[in-house]
Amino acid sequence: MKLKVNGKEAYFTTSGREIDKDQPTIVFVHGSGLTHVTWVLQTRYFAFHGIIQ
């Protein structure tokens, strides 16, 4: 998904789930020239441990 942050376009994922504003948010930021694939193992860990809801 896309959103604007300070006038700049950013991309994000919710792992296919609705955003629950009552739950905490984890933000992973990769470096220049990288992609979201950088965080595959970390997001999988949090998803399997019930953190990504």
N, C-alpha and C. Protein backbone atom coordinates (compact mmCIF):
# COMPACT_ATOMS: atom_id res chain seq x y z
N MET A 1 0.83 -1.17 0.00
CA MET A 1 0.00 0.00 0.00
C MET A 1 0.89 1.24 0.00
N LYS A 2 0.31 2.34 -0.38
CA LYS A 2 1.06 3.60 -0.42
C LYS A 2 0.41 4.61 0.52
N LEU A 3 1.23 5.50 1.05
CA LEU A 3 0.75 6.63 1.80
C LEU A 3 1.73 7.78 1.64
N LYS A 4 1.31 8.98 1.98
CA LYS A 4 2.19 10.15 1.91
C LYS A 4 2.65 10.49 3.32
N VAL A 5 3.96 10.69 3.46
CA VAL A 5 4.56 11.09 4.72
C VAL A 5 5.38 12.34 4.44
N ASN A 6 5.00 13.45 5.03
CA ASN A 6 5.68 14.72 4.79
C ASN A 6 5.81 15.02 3.30
N GLY A 7 4.77 14.71 2.55
CA GLY A 7 4.75 14.99 1.12
C GLY A 7 5.49 13.99 0.25
N LYS A 8 6.06 12.97 0.86
CA LYS A 8 6.79 11.93 0.11
C LYS A 8 6.00 10.63 0.13
N GLU A 9 6.05 9.90 -0.98
CA GLU A 9 5.34 8.64 -1.07
C GLU A 9 6.12 7.53 -0.36
N ALA A 10 5.41 6.77 0.45
CA ALA A 10 6.02 5.64 1.15
C ALA A 10 5.14 4.41 0.93
N TYR A 11 5.74 3.25 1.02
CA TYR A 11 5.03 1.98 0.84
C TYR A 11 5.04 1.23 2.16
N PHE A 12 3.96 0.49 2.41
CA PHE A 12 3.92 -0.31 3.63
C PHE A 12 3.06 -1.54 3.41
N THR A 13 3.18 -2.47 4.33
CA THR A 13 2.36 -3.68 4.29
C THR A 13 1.79 -3.94 5.68
N THR A 14 0.65 -4.56 5.71
CA THR A 14 0.03 -4.96 6.97
C THR A 14 -0.07 -6.47 7.06
N SER A 15 0.66 -7.15 6.23
CA SER A 15 0.62 -8.61 6.16
C SER A 15 -0.78 -9.11 5.82
N GLY A 16 -1.51 -8.30 5.05
CA GLY A 16 -2.83 -8.70 4.60
C GLY A 16 -3.94 -8.53 5.63
N ARG A 17 -3.64 -7.83 6.70
CA ARG A 17 -4.64 -7.66 7.76
C ARG A 17 -5.07 -6.20 7.87
N GLU A 18 -6.23 -6.00 8.47
CA GLU A 18 -6.73 -4.65 8.70
C GLU A 18 -5.84 -3.96 9.74
N ILE A 19 -5.73 -2.65 9.65
CA ILE A 19 -4.97 -1.88 10.63
C ILE A 19 -5.81 -1.74 11.89
N ASP A 20 -5.23 -2.13 13.02
CA ASP A 20 -5.90 -1.99 14.32
C ASP A 20 -5.19 -0.87 15.07
N LYS A 21 -5.82 0.29 15.15
CA LYS A 21 -5.19 1.46 15.76
C LYS A 21 -4.95 1.29 17.26
N ASP A 22 -5.56 0.28 17.87
CA ASP A 22 -5.36 0.03 19.29
C ASP A 22 -4.12 -0.82 19.55
N GLN A 23 -3.52 -1.37 18.51
CA GLN A 23 -2.33 -2.21 18.64
C GLN A 23 -1.07 -1.39 18.33
N PRO A 24 0.05 -1.73 18.95
CA PRO A 24 1.30 -1.02 18.64
C PRO A 24 1.74 -1.29 17.20
N THR A 25 2.54 -0.40 16.67
CA THR A 25 3.04 -0.51 15.31
C THR A 25 4.55 -0.70 15.33
N ILE A 26 5.04 -1.60 14.49
CA ILE A 26 6.48 -1.78 14.30
C ILE A 26 6.82 -1.27 12.92
N VAL A 27 7.83 -0.42 12.83
CA VAL A 27 8.25 0.13 11.55
C VAL A 27 9.66 -0.37 11.25
N PHE A 28 9.83 -1.02 10.11
CA PHE A 28 11.14 -1.47 9.64
C PHE A 28 11.53 -0.57 8.47
N VAL A 29 12.69 0.05 8.55
CA VAL A 29 13.16 0.95 7.49
C VAL A 29 14.45 0.38 6.92
N HIS A 30 14.45 0.09 5.62
CA HIS A 30 15.66 -0.43 4.99
C HIS A 30 16.46 0.71 4.37
N GLY A 31 17.70 0.44 4.09
CA GLY A 31 18.58 1.45 3.51
C GLY A 31 18.34 1.66 2.02
N SER A 32 18.98 2.67 1.51
CA SER A 32 18.87 3.00 0.09
C SER A 32 19.34 1.85 -0.78
N GLY A 33 18.60 1.57 -1.82
CA GLY A 33 18.97 0.50 -2.74
C GLY A 33 18.51 -0.88 -2.32
N LEU A 34 17.88 -0.98 -1.15
CA LEU A 34 17.37 -2.26 -0.67
C LEU A 34 15.86 -2.30 -0.84
N THR A 35 15.24 -3.44 -0.52
CA THR A 35 13.79 -3.58 -0.62
C THR A 35 13.24 -4.16 0.68
N HIS A 36 11.93 -4.32 0.70
CA HIS A 36 11.28 -4.92 1.87
C HIS A 36 11.77 -6.34 2.15
N VAL A 37 12.38 -6.97 1.17
CA VAL A 37 12.89 -8.33 1.34
C VAL A 37 13.93 -8.38 2.47
N THR A 38 14.56 -7.25 2.74
CA THR A 38 15.53 -7.16 3.84
C THR A 38 14.92 -7.65 5.15
N TRP A 39 13.63 -7.44 5.33
CA TRP A 39 12.97 -7.71 6.61
C TRP A 39 12.13 -8.98 6.62
N VAL A 40 12.27 -9.85 5.64
CA VAL A 40 11.43 -11.05 5.55
C VAL A 40 11.52 -11.90 6.82
N LEU A 41 12.71 -12.19 7.28
CA LEU A 41 12.84 -13.06 8.46
C LEU A 41 12.30 -12.40 9.72
N GLN A 42 12.53 -11.10 9.86
CA GLN A 42 12.04 -10.39 11.04
C GLN A 42 10.51 -10.33 11.06
N THR A 43 9.90 -9.99 9.92
CA THR A 43 8.44 -9.91 9.89
C THR A 43 7.82 -11.29 10.07
N ARG A 44 8.45 -12.31 9.54
CA ARG A 44 7.95 -13.67 9.74
C ARG A 44 7.99 -14.04 11.22
N TYR A 45 9.08 -13.70 11.89
CA TYR A 45 9.19 -13.98 13.32
C TYR A 45 8.04 -13.34 14.08
N PHE A 46 7.83 -12.05 13.88
CA PHE A 46 6.77 -11.36 14.61
C PHE A 46 5.39 -11.90 14.25
N ALA A 47 5.16 -12.25 13.00
CA ALA A 47 3.87 -12.81 12.58
C ALA A 47 3.61 -14.15 13.26
N PHE A 48 4.62 -15.03 13.32
CA PHE A 48 4.43 -16.35 13.92
C PHE A 48 4.34 -16.30 15.44
N HIS A 49 4.80 -15.21 16.03
CA HIS A 49 4.72 -15.08 17.48
C HIS A 49 3.54 -14.19 17.90
N GLY A 50 2.62 -13.96 16.99
CA GLY A 50 1.40 -13.24 17.32
C GLY A 50 1.57 -11.75 17.49
N ILE A 51 2.69 -11.20 17.03
CA ILE A 51 2.92 -9.78 17.21
C ILE A 51 2.25 -8.99 16.09
N ILE A 52 2.35 -9.47 14.85
CA ILE A 52 1.70 -8.82 13.73
C ILE A 52 0.27 -9.30 13.71
N GLN A 53 -0.67 -8.40 13.94
CA GLN A 53 -2.06 -8.80 14.11
C GLN A 53 -2.95 -8.19 13.08
